[in-house]
Amino acid sequence: QAEEELKAAWSQQAQQLREMEHRERLLQSDMQRAGEQLESFKTRVMQACSPSAAGSTGKAVTEQQVIEKVRQISDENQQSHEREKSLQKELSSRLAKEREASANIEVFKNSLQKLQ
């Protein structure tokens, strides 16, 4: 009976080991696929950011290149926003001056009409 129990336990452990090996193979496959997807994503990001930087050289795009390009785009975006704010302020100032000049012209016209 002890021998039967040992055989059953061994059989159960062998089955568990096979299941673990199967899961390990699946995980390795998933990791490989994720790595391929990451490389594809990095290449697409670089192609979108700078078509000449990716794909044409045939070299793999490094994570550092992607990070640097994203930072560069972010910096350019921030500069554009700052420039936009500056232009908005300038436009507001010019519109205020224009309104003031228009009001002064109206006052001048009214004064001129009264004088005539």
N, C-alpha and C. Protein backbone atom coordinates (compact mmCIF):
# COMPACT_ATOMS: atom_id res chain seq x y z
N GLN A 1 0.84 -1.20 0.00
CA GLN A 1 0.00 0.00 0.00
C GLN A 1 0.88 1.26 0.00
N ALA A 2 1.97 1.22 0.77
CA ALA A 2 2.89 2.37 0.82
C ALA A 2 3.49 2.60 -0.56
N GLU A 3 3.79 1.51 -1.26
CA GLU A 3 4.35 1.63 -2.59
C GLU A 3 3.35 2.27 -3.54
N GLU A 4 2.09 1.92 -3.44
CA GLU A 4 1.03 2.51 -4.26
C GLU A 4 0.90 4.00 -3.98
N GLU A 5 0.96 4.34 -2.69
CA GLU A 5 0.86 5.76 -2.32
C GLU A 5 2.04 6.55 -2.87
N LEU A 6 3.23 5.96 -2.81
CA LEU A 6 4.41 6.62 -3.36
C LEU A 6 4.30 6.80 -4.86
N LYS A 7 3.81 5.77 -5.53
CA LYS A 7 3.62 5.86 -6.98
C LYS A 7 2.62 6.95 -7.32
N ALA A 8 1.54 7.03 -6.57
CA ALA A 8 0.52 8.05 -6.81
C ALA A 8 1.10 9.44 -6.57
N ALA A 9 1.86 9.58 -5.48
CA ALA A 9 2.47 10.88 -5.17
C ALA A 9 3.47 11.26 -6.25
N TRP A 10 4.27 10.28 -6.69
CA TRP A 10 5.26 10.54 -7.73
C TRP A 10 4.56 10.92 -9.03
N SER A 11 3.50 10.23 -9.35
CA SER A 11 2.75 10.52 -10.55
C SER A 11 2.16 11.93 -10.50
N GLN A 12 1.65 12.30 -9.33
CA GLN A 12 1.06 13.63 -9.16
C GLN A 12 2.14 14.70 -9.30
N GLN A 13 3.31 14.46 -8.70
CA GLN A 13 4.39 15.44 -8.80
C GLN A 13 4.91 15.53 -10.24
N ALA A 14 4.96 14.40 -10.93
CA ALA A 14 5.39 14.41 -12.32
C ALA A 14 4.42 15.22 -13.16
N GLN A 15 3.13 15.07 -12.90
CA GLN A 15 2.11 15.84 -13.61
C GLN A 15 2.27 17.33 -13.32
N GLN A 16 2.50 17.69 -12.06
CA GLN A 16 2.69 19.09 -11.69
C GLN A 16 3.93 19.66 -12.38
N LEU A 17 5.00 18.85 -12.46
CA LEU A 17 6.22 19.29 -13.12
C LEU A 17 5.96 19.54 -14.61
N ARG A 18 5.22 18.68 -15.26
CA ARG A 18 4.88 18.87 -16.68
C ARG A 18 4.06 20.15 -16.87
N GLU A 19 3.12 20.40 -15.96
CA GLU A 19 2.31 21.62 -16.04
C GLU A 19 3.18 22.86 -15.86
N MET A 20 4.11 22.79 -14.92
CA MET A 20 5.00 23.93 -14.69
C MET A 20 5.89 24.18 -15.92
N GLU A 21 6.38 23.11 -16.54
CA GLU A 21 7.20 23.25 -17.74
C GLU A 21 6.37 23.87 -18.87
N HIS A 22 5.13 23.45 -18.98
CA HIS A 22 4.25 24.00 -20.00
C HIS A 22 4.02 25.50 -19.76
N ARG A 23 3.76 25.86 -18.51
CA ARG A 23 3.57 27.29 -18.19
C ARG A 23 4.83 28.09 -18.46
N GLU A 24 5.98 27.51 -18.17
CA GLU A 24 7.25 28.19 -18.41
C GLU A 24 7.43 28.45 -19.91
N ARG A 25 7.13 27.45 -20.74
CA ARG A 25 7.23 27.64 -22.19
C ARG A 25 6.27 28.74 -22.67
N LEU A 26 5.05 28.74 -22.11
CA LEU A 26 4.09 29.79 -22.48
C LEU A 26 4.60 31.17 -22.08
N LEU A 27 5.16 31.26 -20.87
CA LEU A 27 5.69 32.55 -20.41
C LEU A 27 6.86 33.01 -21.28
N GLN A 28 7.74 32.08 -21.64
CA GLN A 28 8.85 32.44 -22.51
C GLN A 28 8.34 32.93 -23.86
N SER A 29 7.34 32.26 -24.38
CA SER A 29 6.75 32.67 -25.65
C SER A 29 6.13 34.06 -25.52
N ASP A 30 5.41 34.29 -24.42
CA ASP A 30 4.80 35.60 -24.19
C ASP A 30 5.86 36.69 -24.08
N MET A 31 6.96 36.38 -23.38
CA MET A 31 8.03 37.36 -23.22
C MET A 31 8.67 37.69 -24.56
N GLN A 32 8.88 36.67 -25.38
CA GLN A 32 9.47 36.89 -26.69
C GLN A 32 8.55 37.76 -27.54
N ARG A 33 7.26 37.46 -27.52
CA ARG A 33 6.29 38.24 -28.28
C ARG A 33 6.24 39.68 -27.78
N ALA A 34 6.29 39.86 -26.44
CA ALA A 34 6.28 41.21 -25.88
C ALA A 34 7.52 41.98 -26.31
N GLY A 35 8.66 41.30 -26.33
CA GLY A 35 9.90 41.95 -26.79
C GLY A 35 9.80 42.38 -28.24
N GLU A 36 9.23 41.52 -29.07
CA GLU A 36 9.05 41.86 -30.49
C GLU A 36 8.09 43.03 -30.64
N GLN A 37 7.03 43.05 -29.85
CA GLN A 37 6.07 44.16 -29.91
C GLN A 37 6.73 45.46 -29.48
N LEU A 38 7.59 45.38 -28.44
CA LEU A 38 8.28 46.58 -27.97
C LEU A 38 9.19 47.12 -29.06
N GLU A 39 9.95 46.24 -29.70
CA GLU A 39 10.83 46.69 -30.80
C GLU A 39 10.02 47.32 -31.92
N SER A 40 8.91 46.69 -32.25
CA SER A 40 8.06 47.24 -33.30
C SER A 40 7.52 48.61 -32.90
N PHE A 41 7.10 48.74 -31.65
CA PHE A 41 6.57 50.01 -31.16
C PHE A 41 7.65 51.09 -31.19
N LYS A 42 8.86 50.75 -30.72
CA LYS A 42 9.96 51.72 -30.73
C LYS A 42 10.25 52.19 -32.15
N THR A 43 10.28 51.25 -33.08
CA THR A 43 10.55 51.60 -34.47
C THR A 43 9.46 52.50 -35.02
N ARG A 44 8.18 52.18 -34.70
CA ARG A 44 7.07 53.01 -35.20
C ARG A 44 7.12 54.40 -34.59
N VAL A 45 7.49 54.49 -33.29
CA VAL A 45 7.60 55.82 -32.66
C VAL A 45 8.68 56.62 -33.36
N MET A 46 9.83 55.99 -33.59
CA MET A 46 10.92 56.72 -34.24
C MET A 46 10.56 57.10 -35.68
N GLN A 47 9.85 56.23 -36.38
CA GLN A 47 9.44 56.56 -37.74
C GLN A 47 8.46 57.72 -37.73
N ALA A 48 7.58 57.74 -36.75
CA ALA A 48 6.61 58.83 -36.66
C ALA A 48 7.31 60.14 -36.29
N CYS A 49 8.31 60.04 -35.42
CA CYS A 49 9.01 61.24 -34.96
C CYS A 49 10.01 61.73 -35.99
N SER A 50 10.70 60.82 -36.58
CA SER A 50 11.76 61.18 -37.51
C SER A 50 11.97 60.03 -38.49
N PRO A 51 11.27 60.05 -39.60
CA PRO A 51 11.33 58.92 -40.54
C PRO A 51 12.75 58.55 -40.97
N SER A 52 13.64 59.52 -41.05
CA SER A 52 15.00 59.20 -41.49
C SER A 52 15.80 58.50 -40.40
N ALA A 53 15.35 58.60 -39.13
CA ALA A 53 16.11 58.03 -38.01
C ALA A 53 15.85 56.55 -37.82
N ALA A 54 14.76 56.05 -38.34
CA ALA A 54 14.41 54.65 -38.09
C ALA A 54 14.05 53.94 -39.37
N GLY A 55 14.40 52.70 -39.40
CA GLY A 55 13.97 51.89 -40.54
C GLY A 55 14.89 51.98 -41.73
N SER A 56 15.33 53.15 -42.07
CA SER A 56 16.13 53.30 -43.28
C SER A 56 17.55 52.78 -43.08
N THR A 57 18.06 52.84 -41.85
CA THR A 57 19.43 52.40 -41.60
C THR A 57 19.50 50.90 -41.39
N GLY A 58 18.39 50.27 -41.10
CA GLY A 58 18.36 48.84 -40.87
C GLY A 58 18.81 48.46 -39.47
N LYS A 59 19.14 49.44 -38.65
CA LYS A 59 19.58 49.17 -37.28
C LYS A 59 18.38 49.19 -36.34
N ALA A 60 18.50 48.44 -35.25
CA ALA A 60 17.43 48.44 -34.25
C ALA A 60 17.45 49.78 -33.52
N VAL A 61 16.29 50.26 -33.20
CA VAL A 61 16.16 51.52 -32.48
C VAL A 61 16.32 51.23 -30.99
N THR A 62 17.16 52.01 -30.33
CA THR A 62 17.37 51.79 -28.90
C THR A 62 16.32 52.54 -28.09
N GLU A 63 16.12 52.07 -26.87
CA GLU A 63 15.16 52.75 -25.99
C GLU A 63 15.62 54.18 -25.73
N GLN A 64 16.93 54.38 -25.61
CA GLN A 64 17.47 55.72 -25.35
C GLN A 64 17.14 56.66 -26.50
N GLN A 65 17.21 56.16 -27.75
CA GLN A 65 16.86 57.00 -28.90
C GLN A 65 15.40 57.41 -28.85
N VAL A 66 14.54 56.46 -28.48
CA VAL A 66 13.11 56.76 -28.39
C VAL A 66 12.88 57.79 -27.29
N ILE A 67 13.51 57.58 -26.13
CA ILE A 67 13.33 58.51 -25.01
C ILE A 67 13.81 59.91 -25.40
N GLU A 68 14.97 59.99 -26.04
CA GLU A 68 15.49 61.30 -26.45
C GLU A 68 14.57 61.98 -27.45
N LYS A 69 14.04 61.21 -28.38
CA LYS A 69 13.15 61.79 -29.39
C LYS A 69 11.85 62.28 -28.74
N VAL A 70 11.31 61.50 -27.82
CA VAL A 70 10.08 61.91 -27.13
C VAL A 70 10.34 63.16 -26.30
N ARG A 71 11.50 63.21 -25.64
CA ARG A 71 11.85 64.42 -24.88
C ARG A 71 11.97 65.63 -25.80
N GLN A 72 12.63 65.43 -26.93
CA GLN A 72 12.78 66.52 -27.90
C GLN A 72 11.42 67.03 -28.35
N ILE A 73 10.53 66.12 -28.67
CA ILE A 73 9.18 66.52 -29.11
C ILE A 73 8.45 67.23 -27.98
N SER A 74 8.61 66.72 -26.76
CA SER A 74 7.97 67.36 -25.61
C SER A 74 8.50 68.78 -25.41
N ASP A 75 9.81 68.94 -25.52
CA ASP A 75 10.41 70.28 -25.39
C ASP A 75 9.90 71.22 -26.48
N GLU A 76 9.84 70.72 -27.70
CA GLU A 76 9.35 71.54 -28.80
C GLU A 76 7.89 71.93 -28.58
N ASN A 77 7.12 70.99 -28.05
CA ASN A 77 5.71 71.25 -27.76
C ASN A 77 5.59 72.34 -26.70
N GLN A 78 6.41 72.24 -25.65
CA GLN A 78 6.36 73.25 -24.59
C GLN A 78 6.76 74.62 -25.13
N GLN A 79 7.79 74.66 -25.97
CA GLN A 79 8.21 75.93 -26.57
C GLN A 79 7.10 76.51 -27.44
N SER A 80 6.41 75.65 -28.15
CA SER A 80 5.30 76.12 -28.99
C SER A 80 4.19 76.72 -28.13
N HIS A 81 3.90 76.05 -26.99
CA HIS A 81 2.86 76.59 -26.10
C HIS A 81 3.29 77.94 -25.53
N GLU A 82 4.55 78.06 -25.15
CA GLU A 82 5.04 79.33 -24.61
C GLU A 82 4.97 80.42 -25.68
N ARG A 83 5.34 80.07 -26.90
CA ARG A 83 5.27 81.04 -28.00
C ARG A 83 3.82 81.44 -28.27
N GLU A 84 2.92 80.46 -28.20
CA GLU A 84 1.51 80.75 -28.40
C GLU A 84 0.99 81.71 -27.32
N LYS A 85 1.37 81.46 -26.06
CA LYS A 85 0.95 82.35 -24.97
C LYS A 85 1.49 83.76 -25.20
N SER A 86 2.74 83.85 -25.61
CA SER A 86 3.35 85.15 -25.87
C SER A 86 2.61 85.88 -26.98
N LEU A 87 2.30 85.17 -28.04
CA LEU A 87 1.56 85.78 -29.16
C LEU A 87 0.16 86.19 -28.74
N GLN A 88 -0.48 85.37 -27.89
CA GLN A 88 -1.82 85.72 -27.40
C GLN A 88 -1.77 87.02 -26.59
N LYS A 89 -0.74 87.15 -25.73
CA LYS A 89 -0.60 88.37 -24.93
C LYS A 89 -0.38 89.57 -25.85
N GLU A 90 0.48 89.39 -26.84
CA GLU A 90 0.75 90.48 -27.78
C GLU A 90 -0.51 90.87 -28.54
N LEU A 91 -1.25 89.88 -28.97
CA LEU A 91 -2.50 90.14 -29.69
C LEU A 91 -3.49 90.87 -28.79
N SER A 92 -3.63 90.42 -27.55
CA SER A 92 -4.54 91.08 -26.62
C SER A 92 -4.14 92.53 -26.40
N SER A 93 -2.84 92.76 -26.26
CA SER A 93 -2.34 94.12 -26.06
C SER A 93 -2.64 94.99 -27.28
N ARG A 94 -2.41 94.45 -28.46
CA ARG A 94 -2.68 95.22 -29.68
C ARG A 94 -4.18 95.49 -29.85
N LEU A 95 -5.01 94.50 -29.50
CA LEU A 95 -6.46 94.72 -29.59
C LEU A 95 -6.91 95.80 -28.61
N ALA A 96 -6.33 95.79 -27.41
CA ALA A 96 -6.69 96.82 -26.43
C ALA A 96 -6.28 98.20 -26.93
N LYS A 97 -5.08 98.29 -27.51
CA LYS A 97 -4.63 99.58 -28.06
C LYS A 97 -5.52 100.02 -29.22
N GLU A 98 -5.92 99.05 -30.05
CA GLU A 98 -6.78 99.37 -31.17
C GLU A 98 -8.15 99.88 -30.70
N ARG A 99 -8.69 99.21 -29.66
CA ARG A 99 -9.98 99.68 -29.11
C ARG A 99 -9.85 101.08 -28.53
N GLU A 100 -8.73 101.33 -27.84
CA GLU A 100 -8.51 102.65 -27.26
C GLU A 100 -8.39 103.70 -28.37
N ALA A 101 -7.69 103.35 -29.44
CA ALA A 101 -7.54 104.29 -30.56
C ALA A 101 -8.90 104.55 -31.22
N SER A 102 -9.70 103.49 -31.37
CA SER A 102 -11.02 103.66 -31.96
C SER A 102 -11.89 104.57 -31.08
N ALA A 103 -11.81 104.36 -29.78
CA ALA A 103 -12.58 105.20 -28.86
C ALA A 103 -12.12 106.65 -28.96
N ASN A 104 -10.83 106.85 -29.04
CA ASN A 104 -10.29 108.22 -29.15
C ASN A 104 -10.73 108.87 -30.46
N ILE A 105 -10.76 108.05 -31.52
CA ILE A 105 -11.22 108.59 -32.82
C ILE A 105 -12.68 109.01 -32.72
N GLU A 106 -13.50 108.21 -32.06
CA GLU A 106 -14.92 108.56 -31.89
C GLU A 106 -15.06 109.86 -31.11
N VAL A 107 -14.30 110.00 -30.04
CA VAL A 107 -14.34 111.23 -29.24
C VAL A 107 -13.91 112.41 -30.11
N PHE A 108 -12.87 112.21 -30.89
CA PHE A 108 -12.37 113.26 -31.76
C PHE A 108 -13.43 113.65 -32.80
N LYS A 109 -14.10 112.62 -33.40
CA LYS A 109 -15.16 112.90 -34.39
C LYS A 109 -16.28 113.69 -33.75
N ASN A 110 -16.70 113.26 -32.57
CA ASN A 110 -17.79 113.96 -31.88
C ASN A 110 -17.39 115.40 -31.56
N SER A 111 -16.18 115.59 -31.11
CA SER A 111 -15.72 116.95 -30.81
C SER A 111 -15.66 117.80 -32.07
N LEU A 112 -15.21 117.21 -33.16
CA LEU A 112 -15.12 117.92 -34.43
C LEU A 112 -16.50 118.30 -34.93
N GLN A 113 -17.49 117.38 -34.79
CA GLN A 113 -18.84 117.69 -35.22
C GLN A 113 -19.43 118.83 -34.38
N LYS A 114 -19.13 118.81 -33.10
CA LYS A 114 -19.66 119.89 -32.22
C LYS A 114 -19.07 121.23 -32.60
N LEU A 115 -17.81 121.22 -32.98
CA LEU A 115 -17.15 122.45 -33.37
C LEU A 115 -17.72 123.00 -34.69
N GLN A 116 -18.16 122.12 -35.57
CA GLN A 116 -18.68 122.57 -36.86
C GLN A 116 -20.08 123.08 -36.64
